[in-house]
Amino acid sequence: MSYDFWEWYKENKWDLFWYKYRVIMGLDPEGNSTWLQERKHWRKVEKIREKYDELDDPHRIFRIAHFLDLQPLLKKWWSKLDRSEKEKYLTEVWFKKMDGFFIRF
């Protein structure tokens, strides 16, 4: 039986995603961070996300946004951005993405 890369990738993509995410966020990539470390990290993300609702300026939102939120935020604000802003934020989202496959980029 042949086992090609894409079959393997399909089965392991979420493990790869979370491993990479933990490395980027400074958590233990093997998933052995303490509950407190993980909770502290996600609470920080939640606080940032709460600010999105308080702000109506896409430029301020993009400055504070968690990188996993950049694509949905770009979609939300797209019609309110001029061409140069679209280019700027599209480039930012592209360079900060972890893997376009995971967030349907």
PDB file of N, CA and C in Angstrom:
ATOM      1  N   MET A   1       0.840  -1.184   0.000  1.00  0.00           N
ATOM      2  CA  MET A   1       0.000   0.000   0.000  1.00  0.00           C
ATOM      3  C   MET A   1       0.885   1.247   0.000  1.00  0.00           C
ATOM      4  N   SER A   2       0.592   2.131  -0.888  1.00  0.00           N
ATOM      5  CA  SER A   2       1.370   3.359  -1.006  1.00  0.00           C
ATOM      6  C   SER A   2       0.755   4.445  -0.121  1.00  0.00           C
ATOM      7  N   TYR A   3       1.595   5.181   0.549  1.00  0.00           N
ATOM      8  CA  TYR A   3       1.153   6.241   1.455  1.00  0.00           C
ATOM      9  C   TYR A   3       1.825   7.519   0.984  1.00  0.00           C
ATOM     10  N   ASP A   4       1.098   8.385   0.286  1.00  0.00           N
ATOM     11  CA  ASP A   4       1.744   9.574  -0.242  1.00  0.00           C
ATOM     12  C   ASP A   4       1.672  10.745   0.739  1.00  0.00           C
ATOM     13  N   PHE A   5       2.399  11.774   0.409  1.00  0.00           N
ATOM     14  CA  PHE A   5       2.512  12.939   1.279  1.00  0.00           C
ATOM     15  C   PHE A   5       1.155  13.558   1.584  1.00  0.00           C
ATOM     16  N   TRP A   6       0.308  13.703   0.584  1.00  0.00           N
ATOM     17  CA  TRP A   6      -0.965  14.402   0.781  1.00  0.00           C
ATOM     18  C   TRP A   6      -1.905  13.623   1.688  1.00  0.00           C
ATOM     19  N   GLU A   7      -1.851  12.322   1.649  1.00  0.00           N
ATOM     20  CA  GLU A   7      -2.639  11.526   2.593  1.00  0.00           C
ATOM     21  C   GLU A   7      -2.139  11.766   4.017  1.00  0.00           C
ATOM     22  N   TRP A   8      -0.821  11.728   4.155  1.00  0.00           N
ATOM     23  CA  TRP A   8      -0.222  11.956   5.464  1.00  0.00           C
ATOM     24  C   TRP A   8      -0.559  13.356   5.967  1.00  0.00           C
ATOM     25  N   TYR A   9      -0.444  14.339   5.077  1.00  0.00           N
ATOM     26  CA  TYR A   9      -0.709  15.722   5.437  1.00  0.00           C
ATOM     27  C   TYR A   9      -2.155  15.903   5.885  1.00  0.00           C
ATOM     28  N   LYS A  10      -3.071  15.298   5.157  1.00  0.00           N
ATOM     29  CA  LYS A  10      -4.490  15.406   5.511  1.00  0.00           C
ATOM     30  C   LYS A  10      -4.752  14.853   6.911  1.00  0.00           C
ATOM     31  N   GLU A  11      -4.100  13.782   7.248  1.00  0.00           N
ATOM     32  CA  GLU A  11      -4.281  13.166   8.560  1.00  0.00           C
ATOM     33  C   GLU A  11      -3.595  13.939   9.687  1.00  0.00           C
ATOM     34  N   ASN A  12      -2.546  14.680   9.361  1.00  0.00           N
ATOM     35  CA  ASN A  12      -1.722  15.307  10.400  1.00  0.00           C
ATOM     36  C   ASN A  12      -1.714  16.829  10.395  1.00  0.00           C
ATOM     37  N   LYS A  13      -2.508  17.450   9.530  1.00  0.00           N
ATOM     38  CA  LYS A  13      -2.414  18.897   9.373  1.00  0.00           C
ATOM     39  C   LYS A  13      -2.739  19.667  10.660  1.00  0.00           C
ATOM     40  N   TRP A  14      -3.694  19.230  11.435  1.00  0.00           N
ATOM     41  CA  TRP A  14      -4.034  19.977  12.655  1.00  0.00           C
ATOM     42  C   TRP A  14      -2.970  19.818  13.723  1.00  0.00           C
ATOM     43  N   ASP A  15      -2.363  18.648  13.816  1.00  0.00           N
ATOM     44  CA  ASP A  15      -1.248  18.479  14.746  1.00  0.00           C
ATOM     45  C   ASP A  15      -0.095  19.399  14.343  1.00  0.00           C
ATOM     46  N   LEU A  16       0.166  19.487  13.047  1.00  0.00           N
ATOM     47  CA  LEU A  16       1.216  20.376  12.550  1.00  0.00           C
ATOM     48  C   LEU A  16       0.878  21.837  12.844  1.00  0.00           C
ATOM     49  N   PHE A  17      -0.373  22.200  12.622  1.00  0.00           N
ATOM     50  CA  PHE A  17      -0.811  23.574  12.878  1.00  0.00           C
ATOM     51  C   PHE A  17      -0.569  23.952  14.331  1.00  0.00           C
ATOM     52  N   TRP A  18      -1.055  23.127  15.260  1.00  0.00           N
ATOM     53  CA  TRP A  18      -0.932  23.482  16.675  1.00  0.00           C
ATOM     54  C   TRP A  18       0.506  23.413  17.164  1.00  0.00           C
ATOM     55  N   TYR A  19       1.287  22.513  16.605  1.00  0.00           N
ATOM     56  CA  TYR A  19       2.708  22.465  16.944  1.00  0.00           C
ATOM     57  C   TYR A  19       3.368  23.785  16.546  1.00  0.00           C
ATOM     58  N   LYS A  20       3.130  24.210  15.309  1.00  0.00           N
ATOM     59  CA  LYS A  20       3.703  25.446  14.794  1.00  0.00           C
ATOM     60  C   LYS A  20       3.190  26.651  15.585  1.00  0.00           C
ATOM     61  N   TYR A  21       1.915  26.658  15.888  1.00  0.00           N
ATOM     62  CA  TYR A  21       1.329  27.757  16.650  1.00  0.00           C
ATOM     63  C   TYR A  21       1.991  27.872  18.022  1.00  0.00           C
ATOM     64  N   ARG A  22       2.143  26.745  18.699  1.00  0.00           N
ATOM     65  CA  ARG A  22       2.770  26.775  20.024  1.00  0.00           C
ATOM     66  C   ARG A  22       4.206  27.287  19.956  1.00  0.00           C
ATOM     67  N   VAL A  23       4.941  26.889  18.947  1.00  0.00           N
ATOM     68  CA  VAL A  23       6.315  27.371  18.791  1.00  0.00           C
ATOM     69  C   VAL A  23       6.312  28.888  18.626  1.00  0.00           C
ATOM     70  N   ILE A  24       5.462  29.382  17.744  1.00  0.00           N
ATOM     71  CA  ILE A  24       5.399  30.821  17.473  1.00  0.00           C
ATOM     72  C   ILE A  24       4.983  31.603  18.718  1.00  0.00           C
ATOM     73  N   MET A  25       4.078  31.054  19.503  1.00  0.00           N
ATOM     74  CA  MET A  25       3.562  31.758  20.672  1.00  0.00           C
ATOM     75  C   MET A  25       4.403  31.557  21.931  1.00  0.00           C
ATOM     76  N   GLY A  26       5.479  30.794  21.820  1.00  0.00           N
ATOM     77  CA  GLY A  26       6.356  30.602  22.969  1.00  0.00           C
ATOM     78  C   GLY A  26       5.858  29.573  23.967  1.00  0.00           C
ATOM     79  N   LEU A  27       4.929  28.729  23.549  1.00  0.00           N
ATOM     80  CA  LEU A  27       4.440  27.650  24.399  1.00  0.00           C
ATOM     81  C   LEU A  27       5.207  26.380  24.069  1.00  0.00           C
ATOM     82  N   ASP A  28       5.087  25.378  24.898  1.00  0.00           N
ATOM     83  CA  ASP A  28       5.767  24.112  24.636  1.00  0.00           C
ATOM     84  C   ASP A  28       5.157  23.475  23.387  1.00  0.00           C
ATOM     85  N   PRO A  29       5.947  23.282  22.331  1.00  0.00           N
ATOM     86  CA  PRO A  29       5.397  22.752  21.085  1.00  0.00           C
ATOM     87  C   PRO A  29       4.869  21.327  21.194  1.00  0.00           C
ATOM     88  N   GLU A  30       5.294  20.599  22.196  1.00  0.00           N
ATOM     89  CA  GLU A  30       4.808  19.227  22.375  1.00  0.00           C
ATOM     90  C   GLU A  30       3.453  19.203  23.085  1.00  0.00           C
ATOM     91  N   GLY A  31       2.945  20.386  23.439  1.00  0.00           N
ATOM     92  CA  GLY A  31       1.649  20.457  24.101  1.00  0.00           C
ATOM     93  C   GLY A  31       1.719  20.200  25.591  1.00  0.00           C
ATOM     94  N   ASN A  32       2.925  20.315  26.163  1.00  0.00           N
ATOM     95  CA  ASN A  32       3.074  20.051  27.593  1.00  0.00           C
ATOM     96  C   ASN A  32       3.084  21.318  28.437  1.00  0.00           C
ATOM     97  N   SER A  33       2.654  22.424  27.859  1.00  0.00           N
ATOM     98  CA  SER A  33       2.545  23.647  28.643  1.00  0.00           C
ATOM     99  C   SER A  33       1.519  23.410  29.738  1.00  0.00           C
ATOM    100  N   THR A  34       1.681  24.112  30.816  1.00  0.00           N
ATOM    101  CA  THR A  34       0.720  23.951  31.898  1.00  0.00           C
ATOM    102  C   THR A  34      -0.613  24.572  31.504  1.00  0.00           C
ATOM    103  N   TRP A  35      -1.637  24.151  32.190  1.00  0.00           N
ATOM    104  CA  TRP A  35      -2.963  24.711  31.950  1.00  0.00           C
ATOM    105  C   TRP A  35      -2.924  26.222  32.138  1.00  0.00           C
ATOM    106  N   LEU A  36      -2.190  26.678  33.138  1.00  0.00           N
ATOM    107  CA  LEU A  36      -2.116  28.104  33.429  1.00  0.00           C
ATOM    108  C   LEU A  36      -1.443  28.876  32.283  1.00  0.00           C
ATOM    109  N   GLN A  37      -0.372  28.326  31.730  1.00  0.00           N
ATOM    110  CA  GLN A  37       0.301  28.979  30.601  1.00  0.00           C
ATOM    111  C   GLN A  37      -0.635  29.094  29.403  1.00  0.00           C
ATOM    112  N   GLU A  38      -1.328  28.009  29.088  1.00  0.00           N
ATOM    113  CA  GLU A  38      -2.258  28.019  27.951  1.00  0.00           C
ATOM    114  C   GLU A  38      -3.401  28.994  28.210  1.00  0.00           C
ATOM    115  N   ARG A  39      -3.957  28.966  29.408  1.00  0.00           N
ATOM    116  CA  ARG A  39      -5.080  29.849  29.752  1.00  0.00           C
ATOM    117  C   ARG A  39      -4.656  31.312  29.692  1.00  0.00           C
ATOM    118  N   LYS A  40      -3.472  31.606  30.199  1.00  0.00           N
ATOM    119  CA  LYS A  40      -2.965  32.977  30.159  1.00  0.00           C
ATOM    120  C   LYS A  40      -2.825  33.457  28.709  1.00  0.00           C
ATOM    121  N   HIS A  41      -2.319  32.597  27.864  1.00  0.00           N
ATOM    122  CA  HIS A  41      -2.173  32.941  26.453  1.00  0.00           C
ATOM    123  C   HIS A  41      -3.532  33.238  25.823  1.00  0.00           C
ATOM    124  N   TRP A  42      -4.493  32.342  26.007  1.00  0.00           N
ATOM    125  CA  TRP A  42      -5.793  32.526  25.363  1.00  0.00           C
ATOM    126  C   TRP A  42      -6.576  33.675  25.982  1.00  0.00           C
ATOM    127  N   ARG A  43      -6.356  33.972  27.259  1.00  0.00           N
ATOM    128  CA  ARG A  43      -7.020  35.130  27.875  1.00  0.00           C
ATOM    129  C   ARG A  43      -6.498  36.416  27.235  1.00  0.00           C
ATOM    130  N   LYS A  44      -5.199  36.448  26.957  1.00  0.00           N
ATOM    131  CA  LYS A  44      -4.620  37.613  26.282  1.00  0.00           C
ATOM    132  C   LYS A  44      -5.252  37.785  24.903  1.00  0.00           C
ATOM    133  N   VAL A  45      -5.421  36.693  24.170  1.00  0.00           N
ATOM    134  CA  VAL A  45      -6.066  36.743  22.850  1.00  0.00           C
ATOM    135  C   VAL A  45      -7.511  37.223  22.994  1.00  0.00           C
ATOM    136  N   GLU A  46      -8.222  36.730  23.999  1.00  0.00           N
ATOM    137  CA  GLU A  46      -9.614  37.153  24.219  1.00  0.00           C
ATOM    138  C   GLU A  46      -9.698  38.652  24.505  1.00  0.00           C
ATOM    139  N   LYS A  47      -8.782  39.175  25.302  1.00  0.00           N
ATOM    140  CA  LYS A  47      -8.787  40.614  25.607  1.00  0.00           C
ATOM    141  C   LYS A  47      -8.563  41.446  24.346  1.00  0.00           C
ATOM    142  N   ILE A  48      -7.664  40.973  23.489  1.00  0.00           N
ATOM    143  CA  ILE A  48      -7.430  41.678  22.220  1.00  0.00           C
ATOM    144  C   ILE A  48      -8.707  41.648  21.384  1.00  0.00           C
ATOM    145  N   ARG A  49      -9.342  40.504  21.315  1.00  0.00           N
ATOM    146  CA  ARG A  49     -10.562  40.371  20.504  1.00  0.00           C
ATOM    147  C   ARG A  49     -11.700  41.231  21.041  1.00  0.00           C
ATOM    148  N   GLU A  50     -11.772  41.419  22.334  1.00  0.00           N
ATOM    149  CA  GLU A  50     -12.806  42.283  22.912  1.00  0.00           C
ATOM    150  C   GLU A  50     -12.640  43.715  22.431  1.00  0.00           C
ATOM    151  N   LYS A  51     -11.416  44.135  22.199  1.00  0.00           N
ATOM    152  CA  LYS A  51     -11.169  45.500  21.732  1.00  0.00           C
ATOM    153  C   LYS A  51     -11.661  45.727  20.313  1.00  0.00           C
ATOM    154  N   TYR A  52     -11.753  44.663  19.505  1.00  0.00           N
ATOM    155  CA  TYR A  52     -12.229  44.819  18.126  1.00  0.00           C
ATOM    156  C   TYR A  52     -13.603  45.477  18.108  1.00  0.00           C
ATOM    157  N   ASP A  53     -14.468  45.083  19.039  1.00  0.00           N
ATOM    158  CA  ASP A  53     -15.826  45.614  19.069  1.00  0.00           C
ATOM    159  C   ASP A  53     -15.864  47.065  19.521  1.00  0.00           C
ATOM    160  N   GLU A  54     -14.868  47.476  20.291  1.00  0.00           N
ATOM    161  CA  GLU A  54     -14.828  48.850  20.793  1.00  0.00           C
ATOM    162  C   GLU A  54     -14.330  49.834  19.741  1.00  0.00           C
ATOM    163  N   LEU A  55     -13.574  49.337  18.785  1.00  0.00           N
ATOM    164  CA  LEU A  55     -12.941  50.209  17.796  1.00  0.00           C
ATOM    165  C   LEU A  55     -13.694  50.182  16.466  1.00  0.00           C
ATOM    166  N   ASP A  56     -13.741  51.323  15.807  1.00  0.00           N
ATOM    167  CA  ASP A  56     -14.349  51.360  14.475  1.00  0.00           C
ATOM    168  C   ASP A  56     -13.338  51.838  13.429  1.00  0.00           C
ATOM    169  N   ASP A  57     -12.077  51.789  13.794  1.00  0.00           N
ATOM    170  CA  ASP A  57     -11.007  52.192  12.890  1.00  0.00           C
ATOM    171  C   ASP A  57     -10.193  50.961  12.504  1.00  0.00           C
ATOM    172  N   PRO A  58     -10.269  50.533  11.237  1.00  0.00           N
ATOM    173  CA  PRO A  58      -9.564  49.315  10.838  1.00  0.00           C
ATOM    174  C   PRO A  58      -8.050  49.405  11.053  1.00  0.00           C
ATOM    175  N   HIS A  59      -7.491  50.596  10.963  1.00  0.00           N
ATOM    176  CA  HIS A  59      -6.044  50.749  11.128  1.00  0.00           C
ATOM    177  C   HIS A  59      -5.630  50.435  12.566  1.00  0.00           C
ATOM    178  N   ARG A  60      -6.395  50.885  13.519  1.00  0.00           N
ATOM    179  CA  ARG A  60      -6.095  50.577  14.929  1.00  0.00           C
ATOM    180  C   ARG A  60      -6.327  49.098  15.207  1.00  0.00           C
ATOM    181  N   ILE A  61      -7.362  48.548  14.608  1.00  0.00           N
ATOM    182  CA  ILE A  61      -7.658  47.125  14.811  1.00  0.00           C
ATOM    183  C   ILE A  61      -6.531  46.265  14.242  1.00  0.00           C
ATOM    184  N   PHE A  62      -6.069  46.580  13.048  1.00  0.00           N
ATOM    185  CA  PHE A  62      -4.993  45.779  12.444  1.00  0.00           C
ATOM    186  C   PHE A  62      -3.690  45.882  13.239  1.00  0.00           C
ATOM    187  N   ARG A  63      -3.482  46.996  13.919  1.00  0.00           N
ATOM    188  CA  ARG A  63      -2.268  47.137  14.737  1.00  0.00           C
ATOM    189  C   ARG A  63      -2.270  46.210  15.939  1.00  0.00           C
ATOM    190  N   ILE A  64      -3.442  45.938  16.508  1.00  0.00           N
ATOM    191  CA  ILE A  64      -3.493  45.120  17.729  1.00  0.00           C
ATOM    192  C   ILE A  64      -3.933  43.679  17.471  1.00  0.00           C
ATOM    193  N   ALA A  65      -4.414  43.388  16.284  1.00  0.00           N
ATOM    194  CA  ALA A  65      -5.044  42.092  15.996  1.00  0.00           C
ATOM    195  C   ALA A  65      -4.096  40.905  16.167  1.00  0.00           C
ATOM    196  N   HIS A  66      -4.657  39.821  16.675  1.00  0.00           N
ATOM    197  CA  HIS A  66      -3.947  38.550  16.743  1.00  0.00           C
ATOM    198  C   HIS A  66      -3.840  38.028  15.316  1.00  0.00           C
ATOM    199  N   PHE A  67      -2.714  37.441  14.961  1.00  0.00           N
ATOM    200  CA  PHE A  67      -2.489  37.085  13.559  1.00  0.00           C
ATOM    201  C   PHE A  67      -3.503  36.085  13.018  1.00  0.00           C
ATOM    202  N   LEU A  68      -4.118  35.266  13.850  1.00  0.00           N
ATOM    203  CA  LEU A  68      -5.141  34.347  13.355  1.00  0.00           C
ATOM    204  C   LEU A  68      -6.429  35.070  12.972  1.00  0.00           C
ATOM    205  N   ASP A  69      -6.591  36.289  13.464  1.00  0.00           N
ATOM    206  CA  ASP A  69      -7.791  37.066  13.176  1.00  0.00           C
ATOM    207  C   ASP A  69      -7.636  37.994  11.972  1.00  0.00           C
ATOM    208  N   LEU A  70      -6.445  38.104  11.450  1.00  0.00           N
ATOM    209  CA  LEU A  70      -6.213  39.082  10.386  1.00  0.00           C
ATOM    210  C   LEU A  70      -7.058  38.834   9.138  1.00  0.00           C
ATOM    211  N   GLN A  71      -7.159  37.602   8.704  1.00  0.00           N
ATOM    212  CA  GLN A  71      -7.923  37.334   7.482  1.00  0.00           C
ATOM    213  C   GLN A  71      -9.404  37.674   7.646  1.00  0.00           C
ATOM    214  N   PRO A  72     -10.075  37.199   8.709  1.00  0.00           N
ATOM    215  CA  PRO A  72     -11.488  37.589   8.864  1.00  0.00           C
ATOM    216  C   PRO A  72     -11.673  39.100   9.025  1.00  0.00           C
ATOM    217  N   LEU A  73     -10.732  39.754   9.694  1.00  0.00           N
ATOM    218  CA  LEU A  73     -10.830  41.199   9.847  1.00  0.00           C
ATOM    219  C   LEU A  73     -10.651  41.911   8.514  1.00  0.00           C
ATOM    220  N   LEU A  74      -9.743  41.410   7.695  1.00  0.00           N
ATOM    221  CA  LEU A  74      -9.555  42.000   6.368  1.00  0.00           C
ATOM    222  C   LEU A  74     -10.832  41.860   5.546  1.00  0.00           C
ATOM    223  N   LYS A  75     -11.437  40.700   5.621  1.00  0.00           N
ATOM    224  CA  LYS A  75     -12.698  40.482   4.893  1.00  0.00           C
ATOM    225  C   LYS A  75     -13.782  41.446   5.391  1.00  0.00           C
ATOM    226  N   LYS A  76     -13.858  41.623   6.708  1.00  0.00           N
ATOM    227  CA  LYS A  76     -14.867  42.501   7.303  1.00  0.00           C
ATOM    228  C   LYS A  76     -14.687  43.950   6.855  1.00  0.00           C
ATOM    229  N   TRP A  77     -13.452  44.426   6.823  1.00  0.00           N
ATOM    230  CA  TRP A  77     -13.186  45.830   6.547  1.00  0.00           C
ATOM    231  C   TRP A  77     -12.858  46.118   5.080  1.00  0.00           C
ATOM    232  N   TRP A  78     -12.805  45.123   4.239  1.00  0.00           N
ATOM    233  CA  TRP A  78     -12.367  45.265   2.851  1.00  0.00           C
ATOM    234  C   TRP A  78     -13.057  46.402   2.111  1.00  0.00           C
ATOM    235  N   SER A  79     -14.359  46.486   2.198  1.00  0.00           N
ATOM    236  CA  SER A  79     -15.111  47.494   1.434  1.00  0.00           C
ATOM    237  C   SER A  79     -14.859  48.920   1.930  1.00  0.00           C
ATOM    238  N   LYS A  80     -14.317  49.062   3.114  1.00  0.00           N
ATOM    239  CA  LYS A  80     -14.066  50.394   3.668  1.00  0.00           C
ATOM    240  C   LYS A  80     -12.622  50.863   3.446  1.00  0.00           C
ATOM    241  N   LEU A  81     -11.804  50.024   2.848  1.00  0.00           N
ATOM    242  CA  LEU A  81     -10.401  50.360   2.621  1.00  0.00           C
ATOM    243  C   LEU A  81     -10.192  50.845   1.192  1.00  0.00           C
ATOM    244  N   ASP A  82      -9.284  51.817   1.032  1.00  0.00           N
ATOM    245  CA  ASP A  82      -8.939  52.225  -0.336  1.00  0.00           C
ATOM    246  C   ASP A  82      -7.894  51.259  -0.892  1.00  0.00           C
ATOM    247  N   ARG A  83      -7.543  51.440  -2.145  1.00  0.00           N
ATOM    248  CA  ARG A  83      -6.657  50.480  -2.818  1.00  0.00           C
ATOM    249  C   ARG A  83      -5.311  50.317  -2.110  1.00  0.00           C
ATOM    250  N   SER A  84      -4.684  51.411  -1.719  1.00  0.00           N
ATOM    251  CA  SER A  84      -3.368  51.306  -1.066  1.00  0.00           C
ATOM    252  C   SER A  84      -3.475  50.607   0.288  1.00  0.00           C
ATOM    253  N   GLU A  85      -4.560  50.860   1.001  1.00  0.00           N
ATOM    254  CA  GLU A  85      -4.767  50.178   2.285  1.00  0.00           C
ATOM    255  C   GLU A  85      -5.023  48.686   2.077  1.00  0.00           C
ATOM    256  N   LYS A  86      -5.774  48.364   1.040  1.00  0.00           N
ATOM    257  CA  LYS A  86      -6.012  46.947   0.725  1.00  0.00           C
ATOM    258  C   LYS A  86      -4.700  46.234   0.437  1.00  0.00           C
ATOM    259  N   GLU A  87      -3.846  46.871  -0.353  1.00  0.00           N
ATOM    260  CA  GLU A  87      -2.545  46.276  -0.668  1.00  0.00           C
ATOM    261  C   GLU A  87      -1.707  46.100   0.590  1.00  0.00           C
ATOM    262  N   LYS A  88      -1.701  47.121   1.418  1.00  0.00           N
ATOM    263  CA  LYS A  88      -0.918  47.080   2.657  1.00  0.00           C
ATOM    264  C   LYS A  88      -1.379  45.940   3.564  1.00  0.00           C
ATOM    265  N   TYR A  89      -2.679  45.875   3.822  1.00  0.00           N
ATOM    266  CA  TYR A  89      -3.188  44.873   4.763  1.00  0.00           C
ATOM    267  C   TYR A  89      -3.211  43.466   4.162  1.00  0.00           C
ATOM    268  N   LEU A  90      -3.436  43.376   2.868  1.00  0.00           N
ATOM    269  CA  LEU A  90      -3.376  42.063   2.233  1.00  0.00           C
ATOM    270  C   LEU A  90      -1.956  41.496   2.332  1.00  0.00           C
ATOM    271  N   THR A  91      -0.979  42.347   2.113  1.00  0.00           N
ATOM    272  CA  THR A  91       0.419  41.929   2.253  1.00  0.00           C
ATOM    273  C   THR A  91       0.710  41.522   3.690  1.00  0.00           C
ATOM    274  N   GLU A  92       0.235  42.299   4.648  1.00  0.00           N
ATOM    275  CA  GLU A  92       0.448  41.980   6.060  1.00  0.00           C
ATOM    276  C   GLU A  92      -0.179  40.636   6.420  1.00  0.00           C
ATOM    277  N   VAL A  93      -1.396  40.421   5.993  1.00  0.00           N
ATOM    278  CA  VAL A  93      -2.075  39.160   6.277  1.00  0.00           C
ATOM    279  C   VAL A  93      -1.306  38.005   5.644  1.00  0.00           C
ATOM    280  N   TRP A  94      -0.865  38.197   4.430  1.00  0.00           N
ATOM    281  CA  TRP A  94      -0.138  37.130   3.727  1.00  0.00           C
ATOM    282  C   TRP A  94       1.143  36.762   4.466  1.00  0.00           C
ATOM    283  N   PHE A  95       1.916  37.763   4.880  1.00  0.00           N
ATOM    284  CA  PHE A  95       3.188  37.478   5.530  1.00  0.00           C
ATOM    285  C   PHE A  95       3.036  36.942   6.948  1.00  0.00           C
ATOM    286  N   LYS A  96       1.932  37.231   7.589  1.00  0.00           N
ATOM    287  CA  LYS A  96       1.738  36.758   8.959  1.00  0.00           C
ATOM    288  C   LYS A  96       0.981  35.441   9.037  1.00  0.00           C
ATOM    289  N   LYS A  97       0.517  34.942   7.920  1.00  0.00           N
ATOM    290  CA  LYS A  97      -0.235  33.685   7.955  1.00  0.00           C
ATOM    291  C   LYS A  97       0.699  32.539   8.314  1.00  0.00           C
ATOM    292  N   MET A  98       0.160  31.538   8.973  1.00  0.00           N
ATOM    293  CA  MET A  98       0.966  30.367   9.316  1.00  0.00           C
ATOM    294  C   MET A  98       0.955  29.391   8.161  1.00  0.00           C
ATOM    295  N   ASP A  99      -0.209  29.093   7.690  1.00  0.00           N
ATOM    296  CA  ASP A  99      -0.366  28.188   6.570  1.00  0.00           C
ATOM    297  C   ASP A  99      -1.741  28.449   5.998  1.00  0.00           C
ATOM    298  N   GLY A 100      -1.780  28.932   4.786  1.00  0.00           N
ATOM    299  CA  GLY A 100      -3.048  29.304   4.177  1.00  0.00           C
ATOM    300  C   GLY A 100      -4.061  28.193   4.130  1.00  0.00           C
ATOM    301  N   PHE A 101      -3.610  26.962   4.066  1.00  0.00           N
ATOM    302  CA  PHE A 101      -4.539  25.836   4.009  1.00  0.00           C
ATOM    303  C   PHE A 101      -5.394  25.765   5.271  1.00  0.00           C
ATOM    304  N   PHE A 102      -4.788  26.077   6.408  1.00  0.00           N
ATOM    305  CA  PHE A 102      -5.503  25.933   7.674  1.00  0.00           C
ATOM    306  C   PHE A 102      -6.582  26.986   7.860  1.00  0.00           C
ATOM    307  N   ILE A 103      -6.335  28.194   7.377  1.00  0.00           N
ATOM    308  CA  ILE A 103      -7.327  29.249   7.573  1.00  0.00           C
ATOM    309  C   ILE A 103      -8.035  29.600   6.269  1.00  0.00           C
ATOM    310  N   ARG A 104      -7.962  28.714   5.299  1.00  0.00           N
ATOM    311  CA  ARG A 104      -8.646  28.872   4.009  1.00  0.00           C
ATOM    312  C   ARG A 104      -8.279  30.169   3.332  1.00  0.00           C
ATOM    313  N   PHE A 105      -7.014  30.483   3.287  1.00  0.00           N
ATOM    314  CA  PHE A 105      -6.537  31.730   2.700  1.00  0.00           C
ATOM    315  C   PHE A 105      -6.470  31.590   1.205  1.00  0.00           C
TER     316      PHE A 105
END
